[in-house]
Amino acid sequence: MHARSLPVLVAVLLAAVPAASGATRTVRLQSESFAPRSITIHRGDAIRFRWVTGFHNVRRVSGPSFSRISSRDRGTVRRTFTKVGRYRLVCSIHRDLGMFLTVRVKA
C-alpha cells in the first residue's frame, strides 16, 4: 500500500463507523415534582420522562424549542436534546405547586 493511500483509507473507514449515540437519563414525574429537579446533559443525549405517580404533562417555559408532552398518568416518553442551552420545563397542571425542571445541555 502506498503512503498516499493511507489517509484515504482512514477517511473511508471512519465514514463507515456509525456515530455514537447519546446517553439516556431518566427524570421521574411523581406527586408534584420532577426528580431530579435539575439535570445537565450533553447535546445529543436524551431524557426518558417516566411517570411514577400523578397526572402530568411537560411544557417549555423558556429555552430552545421542545416538543411538549401531553398529559398522562403512566408510561415513559423519550426526548432527545439537540440544541445547547438552558431549558426550563414545567408540568402546567402543577405549575402553582412549583413543578419545574431545568435541563442544561452542554456541547
PDB file of N, CA and C in Angstrom:
ATOM      1  N   MET A   1       0.844  -1.178   0.000  1.00  0.00           N
ATOM      2  CA  MET A   1       0.000   0.000   0.000  1.00  0.00           C
ATOM      3  C   MET A   1       0.885   1.236   0.000  1.00  0.00           C
ATOM      4  N   HIS A   2       0.520   2.194  -0.790  1.00  0.00           N
ATOM      5  CA  HIS A   2       1.283   3.422  -0.876  1.00  0.00           C
ATOM      6  C   HIS A   2       0.958   4.334   0.295  1.00  0.00           C
ATOM      7  N   ALA A   3       1.922   5.122   0.737  1.00  0.00           N
ATOM      8  CA  ALA A   3       1.734   6.043   1.861  1.00  0.00           C
ATOM      9  C   ALA A   3       0.650   7.069   1.568  1.00  0.00           C
ATOM     10  N   ARG A   4       0.500   7.440   0.276  1.00  0.00           N
ATOM     11  CA  ARG A   4      -0.519   8.431  -0.085  1.00  0.00           C
ATOM     12  C   ARG A   4      -1.928   7.850   0.024  1.00  0.00           C
ATOM     13  N   SER A   5      -2.066   6.544  -0.057  1.00  0.00           N
ATOM     14  CA  SER A   5      -3.374   5.899   0.017  1.00  0.00           C
ATOM     15  C   SER A   5      -3.886   5.786   1.452  1.00  0.00           C
ATOM     16  N   LEU A   6      -2.998   5.835   2.416  1.00  0.00           N
ATOM     17  CA  LEU A   6      -3.377   5.648   3.811  1.00  0.00           C
ATOM     18  C   LEU A   6      -4.399   6.678   4.296  1.00  0.00           C
ATOM     19  N   PRO A   7      -4.213   7.981   4.063  1.00  0.00           N
ATOM     20  CA  PRO A   7      -5.223   8.948   4.515  1.00  0.00           C
ATOM     21  C   PRO A   7      -6.598   8.692   3.899  1.00  0.00           C
ATOM     22  N   VAL A   8      -6.637   8.277   2.663  1.00  0.00           N
ATOM     23  CA  VAL A   8      -7.915   7.986   2.004  1.00  0.00           C
ATOM     24  C   VAL A   8      -8.567   6.782   2.661  1.00  0.00           C
ATOM     25  N   LEU A   9      -7.794   5.746   2.938  1.00  0.00           N
ATOM     26  CA  LEU A   9      -8.314   4.546   3.581  1.00  0.00           C
ATOM     27  C   LEU A   9      -8.865   4.875   4.974  1.00  0.00           C
ATOM     28  N   VAL A  10      -8.138   5.667   5.734  1.00  0.00           N
ATOM     29  CA  VAL A  10      -8.594   6.060   7.075  1.00  0.00           C
ATOM     30  C   VAL A  10      -9.905   6.831   6.975  1.00  0.00           C
ATOM     31  N   ALA A  11     -10.014   7.752   6.044  1.00  0.00           N
ATOM     32  CA  ALA A  11     -11.233   8.536   5.875  1.00  0.00           C
ATOM     33  C   ALA A  11     -12.416   7.637   5.522  1.00  0.00           C
ATOM     34  N   VAL A  12     -12.199   6.669   4.658  1.00  0.00           N
ATOM     35  CA  VAL A  12     -13.266   5.742   4.274  1.00  0.00           C
ATOM     36  C   VAL A  12     -13.711   4.913   5.472  1.00  0.00           C
ATOM     37  N   LEU A  13     -12.743   4.412   6.238  1.00  0.00           N
ATOM     38  CA  LEU A  13     -13.088   3.602   7.413  1.00  0.00           C
ATOM     39  C   LEU A  13     -13.833   4.418   8.465  1.00  0.00           C
ATOM     40  N   LEU A  14     -13.408   5.629   8.711  1.00  0.00           N
ATOM     41  CA  LEU A  14     -14.094   6.477   9.693  1.00  0.00           C
ATOM     42  C   LEU A  14     -15.511   6.802   9.250  1.00  0.00           C
ATOM     43  N   ALA A  15     -15.718   6.998   7.979  1.00  0.00           N
ATOM     44  CA  ALA A  15     -17.057   7.298   7.472  1.00  0.00           C
ATOM     45  C   ALA A  15     -17.981   6.098   7.635  1.00  0.00           C
ATOM     46  N   ALA A  16     -17.428   4.898   7.649  1.00  0.00           N
ATOM     47  CA  ALA A  16     -18.238   3.693   7.758  1.00  0.00           C
ATOM     48  C   ALA A  16     -18.633   3.386   9.199  1.00  0.00           C
ATOM     49  N   VAL A  17     -17.949   3.994  10.172  1.00  0.00           N
ATOM     50  CA  VAL A  17     -18.255   3.748  11.584  1.00  0.00           C
ATOM     51  C   VAL A  17     -19.431   4.615  11.975  1.00  0.00           C
ATOM     52  N   PRO A  18     -20.499   4.029  12.526  1.00  0.00           N
ATOM     53  CA  PRO A  18     -21.645   4.833  12.926  1.00  0.00           C
ATOM     54  C   PRO A  18     -21.288   5.760  14.079  1.00  0.00           C
ATOM     55  N   ALA A  19     -21.927   6.913  14.093  1.00  0.00           N
ATOM     56  CA  ALA A  19     -21.708   7.873  15.165  1.00  0.00           C
ATOM     57  C   ALA A  19     -22.246   7.295  16.469  1.00  0.00           C
ATOM     58  N   ALA A  20     -21.554   7.601  17.544  1.00  0.00           N
ATOM     59  CA  ALA A  20     -22.009   7.116  18.845  1.00  0.00           C
ATOM     60  C   ALA A  20     -23.319   7.803  19.222  1.00  0.00           C
ATOM     61  N   SER A  21     -24.231   7.027  19.734  1.00  0.00           N
ATOM     62  CA  SER A  21     -25.495   7.624  20.151  1.00  0.00           C
ATOM     63  C   SER A  21     -25.313   8.219  21.537  1.00  0.00           C
ATOM     64  N   GLY A  22     -26.135   9.206  21.858  1.00  0.00           N
ATOM     65  CA  GLY A  22     -26.031   9.880  23.133  1.00  0.00           C
ATOM     66  C   GLY A  22     -26.548   9.021  24.276  1.00  0.00           C
ATOM     67  N   ALA A  23     -26.238   9.459  25.454  1.00  0.00           N
ATOM     68  CA  ALA A  23     -26.701   8.787  26.670  1.00  0.00           C
ATOM     69  C   ALA A  23     -28.172   9.089  26.905  1.00  0.00           C
ATOM     70  N   THR A  24     -28.826   8.246  27.661  1.00  0.00           N
ATOM     71  CA  THR A  24     -30.214   8.491  28.065  1.00  0.00           C
ATOM     72  C   THR A  24     -30.270   8.543  29.578  1.00  0.00           C
ATOM     73  N   ARG A  25     -30.822   9.629  30.099  1.00  0.00           N
ATOM     74  CA  ARG A  25     -31.009   9.813  31.546  1.00  0.00           C
ATOM     75  C   ARG A  25     -32.502   9.790  31.842  1.00  0.00           C
ATOM     76  N   THR A  26     -32.868   9.415  33.043  1.00  0.00           N
ATOM     77  CA  THR A  26     -34.278   9.331  33.423  1.00  0.00           C
ATOM     78  C   THR A  26     -34.647  10.448  34.383  1.00  0.00           C
ATOM     79  N   VAL A  27     -35.793  11.068  34.123  1.00  0.00           N
ATOM     80  CA  VAL A  27     -36.403  12.035  35.042  1.00  0.00           C
ATOM     81  C   VAL A  27     -37.768  11.473  35.415  1.00  0.00           C
ATOM     82  N   ARG A  28     -38.022  11.356  36.708  1.00  0.00           N
ATOM     83  CA  ARG A  28     -39.298  10.831  37.194  1.00  0.00           C
ATOM     84  C   ARG A  28     -40.283  11.961  37.447  1.00  0.00           C
ATOM     85  N   LEU A  29     -41.534  11.724  37.105  1.00  0.00           N
ATOM     86  CA  LEU A  29     -42.618  12.654  37.410  1.00  0.00           C
ATOM     87  C   LEU A  29     -43.431  11.986  38.515  1.00  0.00           C
ATOM     88  N   GLN A  30     -43.436  12.608  39.689  1.00  0.00           N
ATOM     89  CA  GLN A  30     -44.074  11.998  40.843  1.00  0.00           C
ATOM     90  C   GLN A  30     -44.703  13.080  41.709  1.00  0.00           C
ATOM     91  N   SER A  31     -45.843  12.770  42.290  1.00  0.00           N
ATOM     92  CA  SER A  31     -46.578  13.739  43.111  1.00  0.00           C
ATOM     93  C   SER A  31     -46.636  15.075  42.391  1.00  0.00           C
ATOM     94  N   GLU A  32     -45.961  16.082  42.956  1.00  0.00           N
ATOM     95  CA  GLU A  32     -45.937  17.411  42.335  1.00  0.00           C
ATOM     96  C   GLU A  32     -44.509  17.851  42.052  1.00  0.00           C
ATOM     97  N   SER A  33     -43.656  16.892  41.608  1.00  0.00           N
ATOM     98  CA  SER A  33     -42.268  17.269  41.349  1.00  0.00           C
ATOM     99  C   SER A  33     -41.632  16.392  40.272  1.00  0.00           C
ATOM    100  N   PHE A  34     -40.590  16.976  39.665  1.00  0.00           N
ATOM    101  CA  PHE A  34     -39.695  16.228  38.806  1.00  0.00           C
ATOM    102  C   PHE A  34     -38.550  15.749  39.701  1.00  0.00           C
ATOM    103  N   ALA A  35     -38.040  14.568  39.453  1.00  0.00           N
ATOM    104  CA  ALA A  35     -36.891  14.088  40.219  1.00  0.00           C
ATOM    105  C   ALA A  35     -35.876  13.512  39.241  1.00  0.00           C
ATOM    106  N   PRO A  36     -34.724  14.148  39.102  1.00  0.00           N
ATOM    107  CA  PRO A  36     -34.295  15.339  39.823  1.00  0.00           C
ATOM    108  C   PRO A  36     -34.961  16.611  39.275  1.00  0.00           C
ATOM    109  N   ARG A  37     -34.806  17.708  39.994  1.00  0.00           N
ATOM    110  CA  ARG A  37     -35.393  18.991  39.563  1.00  0.00           C
ATOM    111  C   ARG A  37     -34.513  19.717  38.553  1.00  0.00           C
ATOM    112  N   SER A  38     -33.240  19.310  38.491  1.00  0.00           N
ATOM    113  CA  SER A  38     -32.283  19.919  37.575  1.00  0.00           C
ATOM    114  C   SER A  38     -31.366  18.811  37.063  1.00  0.00           C
ATOM    115  N   ILE A  39     -31.013  18.887  35.780  1.00  0.00           N
ATOM    116  CA  ILE A  39     -30.167  17.858  35.183  1.00  0.00           C
ATOM    117  C   ILE A  39     -29.298  18.496  34.106  1.00  0.00           C
ATOM    118  N   THR A  40     -28.060  18.032  34.011  1.00  0.00           N
ATOM    119  CA  THR A  40     -27.142  18.504  32.977  1.00  0.00           C
ATOM    120  C   THR A  40     -26.803  17.326  32.072  1.00  0.00           C
ATOM    121  N   ILE A  41     -26.955  17.537  30.771  1.00  0.00           N
ATOM    122  CA  ILE A  41     -26.668  16.510  29.775  1.00  0.00           C
ATOM    123  C   ILE A  41     -25.844  17.141  28.653  1.00  0.00           C
ATOM    124  N   HIS A  42     -25.465  16.330  27.682  1.00  0.00           N
ATOM    125  CA  HIS A  42     -24.736  16.831  26.521  1.00  0.00           C
ATOM    126  C   HIS A  42     -25.633  16.804  25.282  1.00  0.00           C
ATOM    127  N   ARG A  43     -25.314  17.669  24.331  1.00  0.00           N
ATOM    128  CA  ARG A  43     -26.060  17.706  23.069  1.00  0.00           C
ATOM    129  C   ARG A  43     -26.095  16.296  22.472  1.00  0.00           C
ATOM    130  N   GLY A  44     -27.281  15.864  22.073  1.00  0.00           N
ATOM    131  CA  GLY A  44     -27.459  14.527  21.526  1.00  0.00           C
ATOM    132  C   GLY A  44     -27.925  13.504  22.548  1.00  0.00           C
ATOM    133  N   ASP A  45     -27.834  13.858  23.827  1.00  0.00           N
ATOM    134  CA  ASP A  45     -28.344  12.970  24.876  1.00  0.00           C
ATOM    135  C   ASP A  45     -29.862  13.052  24.918  1.00  0.00           C
ATOM    136  N   ALA A  46     -30.470  12.063  25.555  1.00  0.00           N
ATOM    137  CA  ALA A  46     -31.924  12.023  25.679  1.00  0.00           C
ATOM    138  C   ALA A  46     -32.326  11.957  27.143  1.00  0.00           C
ATOM    139  N   ILE A  47     -33.541  12.403  27.399  1.00  0.00           N
ATOM    140  CA  ILE A  47     -34.156  12.226  28.714  1.00  0.00           C
ATOM    141  C   ILE A  47     -35.365  11.336  28.527  1.00  0.00           C
ATOM    142  N   ARG A  48     -35.442  10.316  29.367  1.00  0.00           N
ATOM    143  CA  ARG A  48     -36.617   9.454  29.418  1.00  0.00           C
ATOM    144  C   ARG A  48     -37.466   9.965  30.576  1.00  0.00           C
ATOM    145  N   PHE A  49     -38.622  10.550  30.260  1.00  0.00           N
ATOM    146  CA  PHE A  49     -39.549  11.018  31.282  1.00  0.00           C
ATOM    147  C   PHE A  49     -40.391   9.821  31.705  1.00  0.00           C
ATOM    148  N   ARG A  50     -40.359   9.500  33.002  1.00  0.00           N
ATOM    149  CA  ARG A  50     -41.067   8.314  33.499  1.00  0.00           C
ATOM    150  C   ARG A  50     -42.103   8.725  34.547  1.00  0.00           C
ATOM    151  N   TRP A  51     -43.362   8.436  34.254  1.00  0.00           N
ATOM    152  CA  TRP A  51     -44.459   8.761  35.158  1.00  0.00           C
ATOM    153  C   TRP A  51     -44.477   7.737  36.287  1.00  0.00           C
ATOM    154  N   VAL A  52     -44.382   8.214  37.537  1.00  0.00           N
ATOM    155  CA  VAL A  52     -44.391   7.348  38.712  1.00  0.00           C
ATOM    156  C   VAL A  52     -45.742   7.447  39.411  1.00  0.00           C
ATOM    157  N   THR A  53     -46.126   8.657  39.771  1.00  0.00           N
ATOM    158  CA  THR A  53     -47.431   8.896  40.383  1.00  0.00           C
ATOM    159  C   THR A  53     -47.989  10.208  39.851  1.00  0.00           C
ATOM    160  N   GLY A  54     -49.294  10.301  39.797  1.00  0.00           N
ATOM    161  CA  GLY A  54     -49.945  11.547  39.411  1.00  0.00           C
ATOM    162  C   GLY A  54     -50.192  11.665  37.917  1.00  0.00           C
ATOM    163  N   PHE A  55     -50.899  12.728  37.577  1.00  0.00           N
ATOM    164  CA  PHE A  55     -51.285  13.065  36.207  1.00  0.00           C
ATOM    165  C   PHE A  55     -50.487  14.298  35.831  1.00  0.00           C
ATOM    166  N   HIS A  56     -49.613  14.191  34.823  1.00  0.00           N
ATOM    167  CA  HIS A  56     -48.672  15.266  34.493  1.00  0.00           C
ATOM    168  C   HIS A  56     -48.521  15.446  32.987  1.00  0.00           C
ATOM    169  N   ASN A  57     -47.999  16.623  32.619  1.00  0.00           N
ATOM    170  CA  ASN A  57     -47.568  16.898  31.255  1.00  0.00           C
ATOM    171  C   ASN A  57     -46.221  17.604  31.339  1.00  0.00           C
ATOM    172  N   VAL A  58     -45.602  17.878  30.203  1.00  0.00           N
ATOM    173  CA  VAL A  58     -44.325  18.599  30.188  1.00  0.00           C
ATOM    174  C   VAL A  58     -44.402  19.651  29.092  1.00  0.00           C
ATOM    175  N   ARG A  59     -44.210  20.909  29.500  1.00  0.00           N
ATOM    176  CA  ARG A  59     -44.267  22.047  28.583  1.00  0.00           C
ATOM    177  C   ARG A  59     -43.007  22.891  28.736  1.00  0.00           C
ATOM    178  N   ARG A  60     -42.650  23.612  27.673  1.00  0.00           N
ATOM    179  CA  ARG A  60     -41.500  24.524  27.709  1.00  0.00           C
ATOM    180  C   ARG A  60     -41.937  25.874  28.255  1.00  0.00           C
ATOM    181  N   VAL A  61     -41.158  26.394  29.205  1.00  0.00           N
ATOM    182  CA  VAL A  61     -41.350  27.755  29.704  1.00  0.00           C
ATOM    183  C   VAL A  61     -40.384  28.687  28.984  1.00  0.00           C
ATOM    184  N   SER A  62     -39.126  28.249  28.868  1.00  0.00           N
ATOM    185  CA  SER A  62     -38.113  29.052  28.178  1.00  0.00           C
ATOM    186  C   SER A  62     -37.013  28.135  27.667  1.00  0.00           C
ATOM    187  N   GLY A  63     -36.188  28.702  26.787  1.00  0.00           N
ATOM    188  CA  GLY A  63     -35.084  27.944  26.218  1.00  0.00           C
ATOM    189  C   GLY A  63     -35.375  27.521  24.791  1.00  0.00           C
ATOM    190  N   PRO A  64     -34.469  26.707  24.246  1.00  0.00           N
ATOM    191  CA  PRO A  64     -34.655  26.226  22.870  1.00  0.00           C
ATOM    192  C   PRO A  64     -35.980  25.473  22.717  1.00  0.00           C
ATOM    193  N   SER A  65     -36.369  25.239  21.488  1.00  0.00           N
ATOM    194  CA  SER A  65     -37.651  24.571  21.236  1.00  0.00           C
ATOM    195  C   SER A  65     -37.665  23.179  21.870  1.00  0.00           C
ATOM    196  N   PHE A  66     -38.848  22.765  22.279  1.00  0.00           N
ATOM    197  CA  PHE A  66     -39.042  21.482  22.943  1.00  0.00           C
ATOM    198  C   PHE A  66     -40.416  20.968  22.557  1.00  0.00           C
ATOM    199  N   SER A  67     -40.480  19.729  22.109  1.00  0.00           N
ATOM    200  CA  SER A  67     -41.748  19.124  21.718  1.00  0.00           C
ATOM    201  C   SER A  67     -42.497  18.707  22.978  1.00  0.00           C
ATOM    202  N   ARG A  68     -43.573  19.405  23.271  1.00  0.00           N
ATOM    203  CA  ARG A  68     -44.288  19.174  24.527  1.00  0.00           C
ATOM    204  C   ARG A  68     -44.826  17.754  24.626  1.00  0.00           C
ATOM    205  N   ILE A  69     -45.064  17.341  25.854  1.00  0.00           N
ATOM    206  CA  ILE A  69     -45.561  16.002  26.135  1.00  0.00           C
ATOM    207  C   ILE A  69     -46.958  16.138  26.725  1.00  0.00           C
ATOM    208  N   SER A  70     -47.909  15.444  26.132  1.00  0.00           N
ATOM    209  CA  SER A  70     -49.305  15.555  26.554  1.00  0.00           C
ATOM    210  C   SER A  70     -49.534  14.938  27.935  1.00  0.00           C
ATOM    211  N   SER A  71     -50.635  15.336  28.539  1.00  0.00           N
ATOM    212  CA  SER A  71     -50.988  14.869  29.879  1.00  0.00           C
ATOM    213  C   SER A  71     -51.248  13.371  29.888  1.00  0.00           C
ATOM    214  N   ARG A  72     -50.742  12.720  30.936  1.00  0.00           N
ATOM    215  CA  ARG A  72     -50.916  11.277  31.105  1.00  0.00           C
ATOM    216  C   ARG A  72     -50.636  10.926  32.563  1.00  0.00           C
ATOM    217  N   ASP A  73     -50.947   9.696  32.935  1.00  0.00           N
ATOM    218  CA  ASP A  73     -50.697   9.283  34.310  1.00  0.00           C
ATOM    219  C   ASP A  73     -49.782   8.067  34.419  1.00  0.00           C
ATOM    220  N   ARG A  74     -49.262   7.595  33.298  1.00  0.00           N
ATOM    221  CA  ARG A  74     -48.344   6.448  33.330  1.00  0.00           C
ATOM    222  C   ARG A  74     -47.530   6.399  32.044  1.00  0.00           C
ATOM    223  N   GLY A  75     -46.492   5.576  32.085  1.00  0.00           N
ATOM    224  CA  GLY A  75     -45.683   5.364  30.895  1.00  0.00           C
ATOM    225  C   GLY A  75     -44.382   6.133  30.898  1.00  0.00           C
ATOM    226  N   THR A  76     -43.733   6.101  29.750  1.00  0.00           N
ATOM    227  CA  THR A  76     -42.483   6.829  29.554  1.00  0.00           C
ATOM    228  C   THR A  76     -42.507   7.508  28.190  1.00  0.00           C
ATOM    229  N   VAL A  77     -41.805   8.626  28.106  1.00  0.00           N
ATOM    230  CA  VAL A  77     -41.644   9.357  26.846  1.00  0.00           C
ATOM    231  C   VAL A  77     -40.184   9.793  26.785  1.00  0.00           C
ATOM    232  N   ARG A  78     -39.585   9.619  25.621  1.00  0.00           N
ATOM    233  CA  ARG A  78     -38.172   9.964  25.436  1.00  0.00           C
ATOM    234  C   ARG A  78     -38.053  11.173  24.522  1.00  0.00           C
ATOM    235  N   ARG A  79     -37.211  12.121  24.932  1.00  0.00           N
ATOM    236  CA  ARG A  79     -36.923  13.291  24.112  1.00  0.00           C
ATOM    237  C   ARG A  79     -35.413  13.449  24.001  1.00  0.00           C
ATOM    238  N   THR A  80     -34.927  13.663  22.765  1.00  0.00           N
ATOM    239  CA  THR A  80     -33.507  13.907  22.523  1.00  0.00           C
ATOM    240  C   THR A  80     -33.291  15.411  22.411  1.00  0.00           C
ATOM    241  N   PHE A  81     -32.249  15.889  23.080  1.00  0.00           N
ATOM    242  CA  PHE A  81     -31.942  17.320  23.110  1.00  0.00           C
ATOM    243  C   PHE A  81     -30.784  17.591  22.158  1.00  0.00           C
ATOM    244  N   THR A  82     -31.068  18.305  21.068  1.00  0.00           N
ATOM    245  CA  THR A  82     -30.076  18.537  20.023  1.00  0.00           C
ATOM    246  C   THR A  82     -29.494  19.944  20.036  1.00  0.00           C
ATOM    247  N   LYS A  83     -30.039  20.823  20.866  1.00  0.00           N
ATOM    248  CA  LYS A  83     -29.558  22.206  20.912  1.00  0.00           C
ATOM    249  C   LYS A  83     -28.988  22.520  22.285  1.00  0.00           C
ATOM    250  N   VAL A  84     -27.814  23.134  22.274  1.00  0.00           N
ATOM    251  CA  VAL A  84     -27.168  23.564  23.506  1.00  0.00           C
ATOM    252  C   VAL A  84     -27.982  24.701  24.107  1.00  0.00           C
ATOM    253  N   GLY A  85     -28.110  24.708  25.418  1.00  0.00           N
ATOM    254  CA  GLY A  85     -28.818  25.797  26.087  1.00  0.00           C
ATOM    255  C   GLY A  85     -29.434  25.350  27.397  1.00  0.00           C
ATOM    256  N   ARG A  86     -30.183  26.268  27.981  1.00  0.00           N
ATOM    257  CA  ARG A  86     -30.865  26.015  29.250  1.00  0.00           C
ATOM    258  C   ARG A  86     -32.360  25.946  28.969  1.00  0.00           C
ATOM    259  N   TYR A  87     -32.941  24.799  29.215  1.00  0.00           N
ATOM    260  CA  TYR A  87     -34.373  24.587  29.027  1.00  0.00           C
ATOM    261  C   TYR A  87     -35.052  24.685  30.392  1.00  0.00           C
ATOM    262  N   ARG A  88     -36.122  25.427  30.457  1.00  0.00           N
ATOM    263  CA  ARG A  88     -36.933  25.487  31.678  1.00  0.00           C
ATOM    264  C   ARG A  88     -38.263  24.840  31.310  1.00  0.00           C
ATOM    265  N   LEU A  89     -38.564  23.702  31.927  1.00  0.00           N
ATOM    266  CA  LEU A  89     -39.771  22.939  31.625  1.00  0.00           C
ATOM    267  C   LEU A  89     -40.686  22.930  32.838  1.00  0.00           C
ATOM    268  N   VAL A  90     -41.976  22.699  32.590  1.00  0.00           N
ATOM    269  CA  VAL A  90     -42.963  22.724  33.672  1.00  0.00           C
ATOM    270  C   VAL A  90     -44.048  21.695  33.403  1.00  0.00           C
ATOM    271  N   CYS A  91     -44.614  21.169  34.469  1.00  0.00           N
ATOM    272  CA  CYS A  91     -45.889  20.455  34.368  1.00  0.00           C
ATOM    273  C   CYS A  91     -46.932  21.551  34.565  1.00  0.00           C
ATOM    274  N   SER A  92     -47.669  21.883  33.511  1.00  0.00           N
ATOM    275  CA  SER A  92     -48.608  23.012  33.608  1.00  0.00           C
ATOM    276  C   SER A  92     -49.742  22.728  34.584  1.00  0.00           C
ATOM    277  N   ILE A  93     -50.021  21.479  34.855  1.00  0.00           N
ATOM    278  CA  ILE A  93     -51.066  21.116  35.817  1.00  0.00           C
ATOM    279  C   ILE A  93     -50.634  21.500  37.237  1.00  0.00           C
ATOM    280  N   HIS A  94     -49.341  21.385  37.520  1.00  0.00           N
ATOM    281  CA  HIS A  94     -48.816  21.650  38.866  1.00  0.00           C
ATOM    282  C   HIS A  94     -47.879  22.861  38.907  1.00  0.00           C
ATOM    283  N   ARG A  95     -48.043  23.765  37.962  1.00  0.00           N
ATOM    284  CA  ARG A  95     -47.204  24.977  37.914  1.00  0.00           C
ATOM    285  C   ARG A  95     -47.261  25.743  39.238  1.00  0.00           C
ATOM    286  N   ASP A  96     -48.454  25.935  39.771  1.00  0.00           N
ATOM    287  CA  ASP A  96     -48.607  26.700  41.013  1.00  0.00           C
ATOM    288  C   ASP A  96     -47.967  26.011  42.218  1.00  0.00           C
ATOM    289  N   LEU A  97     -47.698  24.720  42.103  1.00  0.00           N
ATOM    290  CA  LEU A  97     -47.043  23.975  43.175  1.00  0.00           C
ATOM    291  C   LEU A  97     -45.530  23.902  42.969  1.00  0.00           C
ATOM    292  N   GLY A  98     -45.047  24.565  41.895  1.00  0.00           N
ATOM    293  CA  GLY A  98     -43.608  24.653  41.650  1.00  0.00           C
ATOM    294  C   GLY A  98     -42.996  23.468  40.941  1.00  0.00           C
ATOM    295  N   MET A  99     -43.779  22.784  40.123  1.00  0.00           N
ATOM    296  CA  MET A  99     -43.256  21.603  39.403  1.00  0.00           C
ATOM    297  C   MET A  99     -42.525  22.040  38.141  1.00  0.00           C
ATOM    298  N   PHE A 100     -41.255  22.423  38.321  1.00  0.00           N
ATOM    299  CA  PHE A 100     -40.392  22.874  37.234  1.00  0.00           C
ATOM    300  C   PHE A 100     -39.178  21.958  37.120  1.00  0.00           C
ATOM    301  N   LEU A 101     -38.643  21.879  35.912  1.00  0.00           N
ATOM    302  CA  LEU A 101     -37.416  21.118  35.646  1.00  0.00           C
ATOM    303  C   LEU A 101     -36.489  22.005  34.828  1.00  0.00           C
ATOM    304  N   THR A 102     -35.218  22.054  35.233  1.00  0.00           N
ATOM    305  CA  THR A 102     -34.199  22.763  34.480  1.00  0.00           C
ATOM    306  C   THR A 102     -33.290  21.735  33.814  1.00  0.00           C
ATOM    307  N   VAL A 103     -33.152  21.842  32.493  1.00  0.00           N
ATOM    308  CA  VAL A 103     -32.256  20.957  31.736  1.00  0.00           C
ATOM    309  C   VAL A 103     -31.170  21.833  31.124  1.00  0.00           C
ATOM    310  N   ARG A 104     -29.939  21.552  31.484  1.00  0.00           N
ATOM    311  CA  ARG A 104     -28.794  22.257  30.885  1.00  0.00           C
ATOM    312  C   ARG A 104     -28.165  21.310  29.882  1.00  0.00           C
ATOM    313  N   VAL A 105     -28.079  21.774  28.635  1.00  0.00           N
ATOM    314  CA  VAL A 105     -27.493  20.963  27.573  1.00  0.00           C
ATOM    315  C   VAL A 105     -26.167  21.594  27.170  1.00  0.00           C
ATOM    316  N   LYS A 106     -25.091  20.842  27.362  1.00  0.00           N
ATOM    317  CA  LYS A 106     -23.746  21.316  27.043  1.00  0.00           C
ATOM    318  C   LYS A 106     -23.297  20.741  25.706  1.00  0.00           C
ATOM    319  N   ALA A 107     -22.324  21.412  25.092  1.00  0.00           N
ATOM    320  CA  ALA A 107     -21.768  20.944  23.802  1.00  0.00           C
ATOM    321  C   ALA A 107     -20.966  19.683  23.992  1.00  0.00           C
TER     322      ALA A 107
END
